[in-house]
């Protein structure tokens, strides 16, 4: 009798612990119902007639949630959560997607990216017979820096890599992400997938997308708070200003010399046809990490403009979404959650920012093809 009572008490204690954990989980600040989007319509049969994915606000919100998924996949791993109490799945399940692959940093075992695919089986339960128009077959999402001890060392290492060189190609994450993007592009077609990232992850997404675009494969890209500050960029700006001053001096000394110099560049620009890779950038003017993308590609000097083999406004463009809310704290201005808030007001433009023009210039000003030797 005593053993039975003891067993019942133990069972009761276990149930209480489980209820406490569940209550704590439901109130977790990163739980979808606590910090996720409030007024996002559910996918249903009506999307077959009028797809929510055709709405730019809906697409931005869902893709931002997919990036949040990657942050939470790593947090779930660090905090040893199980499938029963994991936070991450709640951020993709409502949109009828499923997790098919996680990208692991071999240096520390952390999750830095994930591939999410359209979940046809889940969609069928709500009578969504086919994938709604505009919904990607697969999304590659990349997280940014996570200030937690298990992963902060490698995250900061890549942050410093970008700060010093404005390039992330030396990172194992770059090669891993490029391989994953190529894989889903070959599987579903480049027009049916997209790549996305936040902060450092947006830096990787931009450079990986650009690498694929150089091969003539154009993938939709959504980049939230991409890094825009580096030592290389600062030094280049100084050099550009010095070059502008020198051009002015040359124009004063001899206009004819300038004409000869500009006309004898020895090569012509080779473009990739009429198609362009136009990434979507989401920046906040109060975020000093990404705000420089909002600087226009100003035509500071006519002589400098003449040296370009192709006008800038015909080549390097990005769809830029700028959020201005006055003065904001850095963590708020750089945060991912702002991009699914209900009161979001943005300025939208097909923008030739100075920084994006520089970063994408190599896509549309390729060296001329080598001439084959003439036969005797």
Protein backbone atom coordinates (compact mmCIF):
# COMPACT_ATOMS: atom_id res chain seq x y z
CA UNK A 1 0.00 0.00 0.00
CA UNK A 2 2.82 2.35 0.96
CA UNK A 3 4.65 1.66 -2.32
CA UNK A 4 1.52 2.46 -4.29
CA UNK A 5 1.10 5.79 -2.46
CA UNK A 6 4.76 6.63 -3.05
CA UNK A 7 4.42 5.81 -6.75
CA UNK A 8 1.35 8.00 -7.04
CA UNK A 9 3.15 10.87 -5.32
CA UNK A 10 6.13 10.48 -7.66
CA UNK A 11 3.83 10.46 -10.66
CA UNK A 12 2.09 13.58 -9.39
CA UNK A 13 5.41 15.36 -8.89
CA UNK A 14 6.50 14.46 -12.44
CA UNK A 15 3.23 15.80 -13.84
CA UNK A 16 3.65 19.02 -11.88
CA UNK A 17 7.19 19.46 -13.20
CA UNK A 18 5.98 18.84 -16.77
CA UNK A 19 3.13 21.32 -16.35
CA UNK A 20 5.55 23.91 -14.95
CA UNK A 21 7.95 23.39 -17.87
CA UNK A 22 5.09 23.63 -20.35
CA UNK A 23 3.82 26.85 -18.75
CA UNK A 24 7.35 28.29 -18.83
CA UNK A 25 7.72 27.25 -22.45
CA UNK A 26 4.44 28.92 -23.39
CA UNK A 27 5.66 32.18 -21.89
CA UNK A 28 9.15 32.03 -23.40
CA UNK A 29 10.04 35.38 -25.00
CA UNK A 30 10.92 33.60 -28.27
CA UNK A 31 7.72 31.53 -28.42
CA UNK A 32 5.88 32.17 -31.68
CA UNK A 33 2.64 33.28 -29.98
CA UNK A 34 4.58 35.66 -27.71
CA UNK A 35 6.93 37.48 -30.09
CA UNK A 36 5.84 36.33 -33.54
CA UNK A 37 3.69 38.22 -36.05
CA UNK A 38 0.16 38.98 -34.90
CA UNK A 39 -2.01 39.40 -37.99
CA UNK A 40 -0.58 37.00 -40.54
CA UNK A 41 -3.33 35.20 -42.51
CA UNK A 42 -3.26 31.40 -42.46
CA UNK A 43 -2.67 29.49 -45.66
CA UNK A 44 -5.95 27.96 -46.90
CA UNK A 45 -7.79 27.11 -50.12
CA UNK A 46 -8.37 30.81 -50.84
CA UNK A 47 -4.67 31.11 -51.63
CA UNK A 48 -5.32 29.09 -54.76
CA UNK A 49 -7.41 32.02 -56.02
CA UNK A 50 -5.52 34.96 -54.48
CA UNK A 51 -2.16 34.00 -53.03
CA UNK A 52 -0.91 35.79 -49.91
CA UNK A 53 2.59 35.22 -51.24
CA UNK A 54 1.92 37.87 -53.89
CA UNK A 55 1.75 40.42 -51.06
CA UNK A 56 5.22 41.84 -50.37
CA UNK A 57 4.44 42.39 -46.70
CA UNK A 58 3.38 38.78 -46.25
CA UNK A 59 6.48 37.48 -48.04
CA UNK A 60 8.79 39.70 -45.97
CA UNK A 61 7.11 38.56 -42.75
CA UNK A 62 7.29 34.84 -43.52
CA UNK A 63 10.90 34.91 -44.70
CA UNK A 64 11.92 36.86 -41.59
CA UNK A 65 10.20 34.16 -39.51
CA UNK A 66 12.19 31.49 -41.35
CA UNK A 67 15.42 33.27 -40.37
CA UNK A 68 14.19 33.41 -36.78
CA UNK A 69 13.78 29.64 -37.09
CA UNK A 70 17.54 29.28 -37.59
CA UNK A 71 18.35 31.33 -34.49
CA UNK A 72 15.97 29.15 -32.49
CA UNK A 73 17.26 25.87 -33.93
CA UNK A 74 20.66 26.77 -32.50
CA UNK A 75 19.18 27.90 -29.18
CA UNK A 76 17.16 24.68 -28.97
CA UNK A 77 20.38 22.74 -29.56
CA UNK A 78 22.31 24.69 -26.92
CA UNK A 79 19.55 24.31 -24.34
CA UNK A 80 18.94 20.62 -25.11
CA UNK A 81 15.28 21.00 -26.01
CA UNK A 82 13.42 18.01 -27.38
CA UNK A 83 10.90 17.83 -30.21
CA UNK A 84 8.15 18.20 -27.59
CA UNK A 85 9.32 21.55 -26.21
CA UNK A 86 11.42 22.97 -29.08
CA UNK A 87 10.74 26.60 -29.99
CA UNK A 88 11.84 26.56 -33.64
CA UNK A 89 9.10 24.41 -35.30
CA UNK A 90 6.35 26.87 -34.33
CA UNK A 91 7.99 29.43 -36.62
CA UNK A 92 7.63 27.37 -39.83
CA UNK A 93 4.63 25.09 -39.27
CA UNK A 94 1.93 27.83 -39.63
CA UNK A 95 3.20 28.63 -43.13
CA UNK A 96 3.05 25.00 -44.38
CA UNK A 97 6.79 24.47 -44.65
CA UNK A 98 9.02 21.77 -43.20
CA UNK A 99 12.65 21.56 -42.15
CA UNK A 100 14.67 19.31 -44.47
CA UNK A 101 18.28 20.23 -43.66
CA UNK A 102 20.34 22.19 -41.16
CA UNK A 103 23.69 23.75 -42.06
CA UNK A 104 26.31 22.95 -39.41
CA UNK A 105 29.51 24.91 -38.78
CA UNK A 106 32.12 22.16 -38.51
CA UNK A 107 34.30 24.35 -36.30
CA UNK A 108 31.94 24.33 -33.32
CA UNK A 109 28.96 22.19 -34.34
CA UNK A 110 26.57 25.15 -34.32
CA UNK A 111 23.58 25.53 -36.64
CA UNK A 112 23.98 28.62 -38.83
CA UNK A 113 21.50 27.88 -41.60
CA UNK A 114 18.50 25.79 -42.59
CA UNK A 115 16.63 24.69 -45.71
CA UNK A 116 12.85 24.80 -45.48
CA UNK A 117 10.66 23.25 -48.18
CA UNK A 118 6.99 23.53 -49.03
CA UNK A 119 5.14 20.87 -47.04
CA UNK A 120 2.54 19.48 -49.42
CA UNK A 121 1.18 16.99 -46.89
CA UNK A 122 0.53 19.70 -44.30
CA UNK A 123 -1.05 21.94 -46.94
CA UNK A 124 -3.45 19.20 -48.02
CA UNK A 125 -4.92 19.05 -44.51
CA UNK A 126 -6.24 22.58 -45.12
CA UNK A 127 -7.39 21.73 -48.66
CA UNK A 128 -4.49 23.58 -50.28
CA UNK A 129 -4.05 21.22 -53.22
CA UNK A 130 -1.15 22.99 -54.93
CA UNK A 131 1.55 25.42 -53.85
CA UNK A 132 0.20 29.00 -53.93
CA UNK A 133 1.54 31.29 -56.62
CA UNK A 134 4.65 33.11 -55.41
CA UNK A 135 5.44 30.65 -52.62
CA UNK A 136 9.00 29.31 -53.06
CA UNK A 137 9.56 25.56 -53.21
CA UNK A 138 12.51 25.96 -50.87
CA UNK A 139 14.13 28.70 -48.77
CA UNK A 140 17.72 28.78 -47.55
CA UNK A 141 17.81 30.89 -44.36
CA UNK A 142 21.01 32.03 -42.61
CA UNK A 143 21.21 33.49 -39.13
CA UNK A 144 23.46 36.26 -37.88
CA UNK A 145 25.63 36.58 -34.79
CA UNK A 146 24.31 34.82 -31.71
CA UNK A 147 25.77 36.22 -28.49
CA UNK A 148 25.89 32.89 -26.67
CA UNK A 149 29.12 31.30 -25.44
CA UNK A 150 28.90 28.04 -27.49
CA UNK A 151 28.89 29.88 -30.84
CA UNK A 152 29.99 33.48 -30.23
CA UNK A 153 33.66 32.78 -31.00
CA UNK A 154 33.03 31.58 -34.56
CA UNK A 155 30.33 34.19 -35.18
CA UNK A 156 32.66 37.01 -34.12
CA UNK A 157 35.46 35.48 -36.18
CA UNK A 158 33.34 35.84 -39.31
CA UNK A 159 32.18 39.31 -38.25
CA UNK A 160 35.83 40.38 -38.05
CA UNK A 161 36.53 38.69 -41.38
CA UNK A 162 33.92 40.93 -43.03
CA UNK A 163 35.08 44.01 -41.10
CA UNK A 164 38.66 43.54 -42.28
CA UNK A 165 38.18 42.35 -45.87
CA UNK A 166 34.50 42.89 -46.79
CA UNK A 167 34.56 39.27 -47.90
CA UNK A 168 33.32 36.06 -46.30
CA UNK A 169 34.66 33.62 -48.88
CA UNK A 170 37.33 32.34 -46.50
CA UNK A 171 34.73 31.04 -44.05
CA UNK A 172 33.58 27.41 -44.04
CA UNK A 173 30.03 28.78 -43.84
CA UNK A 174 30.38 30.41 -47.26
CA UNK A 175 31.30 27.19 -49.05
CA UNK A 176 28.65 25.21 -47.15
CA UNK A 177 25.91 27.75 -47.95
CA UNK A 178 26.94 27.97 -51.62
CA UNK A 179 26.83 24.18 -51.94
CA UNK A 180 23.37 24.09 -50.32
CA UNK A 181 22.02 26.84 -52.58
CA UNK A 182 23.34 25.14 -55.70
CA UNK A 183 21.76 21.89 -54.55
CA UNK A 184 18.23 23.26 -54.15
CA UNK A 185 18.62 25.32 -57.33
CA UNK A 186 19.39 22.16 -59.30
CA UNK A 187 16.55 20.31 -57.58
CA UNK A 188 13.76 22.89 -57.95
CA UNK A 189 15.05 25.48 -60.43
CA UNK A 190 16.48 28.89 -59.55
CA UNK A 191 13.12 30.64 -60.04
CA UNK A 192 11.47 28.47 -57.37
CA UNK A 193 13.83 29.09 -54.47
CA UNK A 194 15.20 31.99 -52.46
CA UNK A 195 18.04 32.75 -50.07
CA UNK A 196 17.65 34.94 -47.01
CA UNK A 197 19.67 36.10 -44.04
CA UNK A 198 19.90 38.56 -41.18
CA UNK A 199 22.94 40.61 -40.13
CA UNK A 200 26.02 38.40 -40.65
CA UNK A 201 23.73 35.87 -42.31
CA UNK A 202 22.62 38.57 -44.77
CA UNK A 203 26.28 39.20 -45.58
CA UNK A 204 26.72 35.52 -46.40
CA UNK A 205 23.46 35.45 -48.39
CA UNK A 206 24.53 38.45 -50.49
CA UNK A 207 27.93 37.01 -51.33
CA UNK A 208 26.64 33.48 -51.94
CA UNK A 209 23.85 34.82 -54.16
CA UNK A 210 26.36 36.92 -56.05
CA UNK A 211 28.66 33.92 -56.56
CA UNK A 212 25.78 31.99 -58.10
CA UNK A 213 24.74 34.99 -60.22
CA UNK A 214 28.25 35.03 -61.72
CA UNK A 215 27.43 31.59 -63.09
CA UNK A 216 24.26 32.99 -64.67
CA UNK A 217 21.96 31.52 -61.99
CA UNK A 218 19.71 34.21 -60.52
CA UNK A 219 18.09 33.40 -57.16
CA UNK A 220 15.66 35.63 -55.26
CA UNK A 221 17.38 37.09 -52.18
CA UNK A 222 15.99 38.79 -49.07
CA UNK A 223 18.63 40.43 -46.88
CA UNK A 224 17.73 41.94 -43.49
CA UNK A 225 20.16 44.40 -41.86
CA UNK A 226 23.13 43.33 -44.04
CA UNK A 227 26.54 44.56 -42.80
CA UNK A 228 27.78 47.66 -44.61
CA UNK A 229 30.82 48.70 -42.56
CA UNK A 230 34.36 47.46 -43.26
CA UNK A 231 37.92 48.76 -43.21
CA UNK A 232 38.30 47.98 -46.91
CA UNK A 233 35.23 50.08 -47.71
CA UNK A 234 36.53 52.98 -45.62
CA UNK A 235 39.92 52.91 -47.34
CA UNK A 236 38.24 52.65 -50.74
CA UNK A 237 36.16 55.73 -49.98
CA UNK A 238 39.31 57.66 -49.15
CA UNK A 239 40.87 56.49 -52.40
CA UNK A 240 37.78 57.48 -54.39
CA UNK A 241 37.82 60.98 -52.95
CA UNK A 242 41.51 61.31 -53.76
CA UNK A 243 40.79 60.07 -57.29
CA UNK A 244 38.02 62.63 -57.75
CA UNK A 245 40.34 65.44 -56.66
CA UNK A 246 43.05 64.20 -59.04
CA UNK A 247 40.57 64.10 -61.93
CA UNK A 248 39.62 67.69 -61.21
CA UNK A 249 43.26 68.70 -61.24
CA UNK A 250 43.80 66.92 -64.56
CA UNK A 251 40.75 68.62 -66.08
CA UNK A 252 42.14 72.00 -65.09
CA UNK A 253 45.60 71.27 -66.50
CA UNK A 254 44.50 69.78 -69.80
CA UNK A 255 41.07 68.73 -71.00
CA UNK A 256 42.62 66.99 -74.00
CA UNK A 257 44.68 64.72 -71.76
CA UNK A 258 41.50 63.69 -69.95
CA UNK A 259 39.80 62.80 -73.23
CA UNK A 260 42.71 60.62 -74.31
CA UNK A 261 42.85 58.88 -70.95
CA UNK A 262 39.14 58.17 -70.91
CA UNK A 263 39.02 56.93 -74.47
CA UNK A 264 41.94 54.49 -74.20
CA UNK A 265 40.78 51.95 -71.62
CA UNK A 266 41.63 48.95 -73.79
CA UNK A 267 38.52 46.93 -73.00
CA UNK A 268 34.77 46.95 -73.24
CA UNK A 269 32.17 45.94 -70.71
CA UNK A 270 30.57 42.56 -71.19
CA UNK A 271 27.14 42.19 -69.63
CA UNK A 272 25.17 39.10 -68.72
CA UNK A 273 22.36 39.89 -71.10
CA UNK A 274 19.26 41.84 -70.16
CA UNK A 275 18.60 39.83 -66.99
CA UNK A 276 19.81 41.21 -63.69
CA UNK A 277 20.21 39.86 -60.19
CA UNK A 278 18.30 42.29 -57.97
CA UNK A 279 18.47 41.39 -54.27
CA UNK A 280 15.95 42.76 -51.76
CA UNK A 281 17.62 44.69 -48.95
CA UNK A 282 15.85 45.71 -45.74
CA UNK A 283 17.74 48.40 -43.81
CA UNK A 284 17.05 50.66 -40.85
CA UNK A 285 18.54 54.15 -40.93
CA UNK A 286 19.20 53.96 -37.19
CA UNK A 287 21.24 50.77 -37.52
CA UNK A 288 24.87 51.80 -38.00
CA UNK A 289 25.75 48.29 -39.24
CA UNK A 290 23.53 48.44 -42.35
CA UNK A 291 22.59 52.12 -42.80
CA UNK A 292 25.27 52.85 -45.43
CA UNK A 293 23.31 50.84 -47.99
CA UNK A 294 20.85 53.73 -48.02
CA UNK A 295 23.49 56.15 -49.34
CA UNK A 296 22.65 56.97 -52.98
CA UNK A 297 25.13 56.32 -55.76
CA UNK A 298 25.72 60.02 -56.28
CA UNK A 299 27.41 61.32 -59.38
CA UNK A 300 30.06 63.27 -57.59
CA UNK A 301 32.13 64.18 -60.62
CA UNK A 302 31.43 64.21 -64.33
CA UNK A 303 34.96 63.10 -65.23
CA UNK A 304 34.70 60.10 -62.95
CA UNK A 305 31.36 59.26 -64.53
CA UNK A 306 32.85 59.29 -68.02
CA UNK A 307 35.35 56.59 -67.04
CA UNK A 308 32.60 54.02 -66.56
CA UNK A 309 32.10 51.77 -69.54
CA UNK A 310 28.43 51.46 -68.69
CA UNK A 311 26.12 53.84 -66.81
CA UNK A 312 25.55 52.73 -63.25
CA UNK A 313 21.80 53.17 -63.33
CA UNK A 314 21.59 50.48 -66.00
CA UNK A 315 23.56 47.85 -64.12
CA UNK A 316 23.90 47.50 -60.37
CA UNK A 317 20.52 47.82 -58.71
CA UNK A 318 18.82 46.49 -55.60
CA UNK A 319 15.29 46.70 -54.32
CA UNK A 320 15.87 48.69 -51.16
CA UNK A 321 13.40 48.90 -48.29
CA UNK A 322 14.35 51.64 -45.82
CA UNK A 323 12.82 51.89 -42.36
CA UNK A 324 13.01 55.26 -40.62
CA UNK A 325 11.58 55.64 -37.13
CA UNK A 326 13.69 58.47 -35.81
CA UNK A 327 16.15 57.68 -33.05
CA UNK A 328 16.15 54.05 -31.96
CA UNK A 329 18.36 51.95 -29.73
CA UNK A 330 20.81 49.83 -31.68
CA UNK A 331 19.39 46.45 -30.62
CA UNK A 332 15.93 47.56 -31.71
CA UNK A 333 17.12 49.00 -35.03
CA UNK A 334 19.21 45.90 -35.79
CA UNK A 335 16.68 43.36 -34.56
CA UNK A 336 14.96 40.87 -36.84
CA UNK A 337 11.57 41.13 -35.15
CA UNK A 338 10.98 44.66 -36.47
CA UNK A 339 10.46 43.21 -39.95
CA UNK A 340 7.24 41.42 -39.02
CA UNK A 341 5.76 44.16 -36.82
CA UNK A 342 2.27 45.48 -37.66
CA UNK A 343 3.17 49.19 -37.68
CA UNK A 344 5.98 48.89 -40.21
CA UNK A 345 6.29 51.87 -42.56
CA UNK A 346 8.99 51.69 -45.20
CA UNK A 347 10.19 53.60 -48.20
CA UNK A 348 10.67 51.40 -51.25
CA UNK A 349 12.82 52.09 -54.26
CA UNK A 350 14.71 50.34 -57.02
CA UNK A 351 17.85 51.91 -55.69
CA UNK A 352 21.37 52.27 -57.01
CA UNK A 353 23.06 52.69 -53.64
CA UNK A 354 26.74 53.50 -53.74
CA UNK A 355 27.62 50.39 -51.74
CA UNK A 356 25.48 47.88 -53.63
CA UNK A 357 26.69 49.29 -56.96
CA UNK A 358 30.26 48.65 -55.87
CA UNK A 359 29.50 45.16 -54.58
CA UNK A 360 27.59 44.02 -57.67
CA UNK A 361 29.65 45.87 -60.28
CA UNK A 362 31.70 42.78 -61.10
CA UNK A 363 28.52 40.98 -62.20
CA UNK A 364 27.88 43.37 -65.07
CA UNK A 365 31.34 44.60 -66.03
CA UNK A 366 33.11 41.35 -66.79
CA UNK A 367 36.41 41.29 -68.69
CA UNK A 368 36.07 40.83 -72.45
CA UNK A 369 36.40 37.29 -73.79
CA UNK A 370 39.85 36.31 -74.97
CA UNK A 371 40.37 36.49 -78.69
CA UNK A 372 41.50 33.28 -80.33
CA UNK A 373 44.78 33.61 -82.24
CA UNK A 374 44.28 34.27 -85.94
CA UNK A 375 45.27 31.54 -88.35
CA UNK A 376 48.23 32.22 -90.62
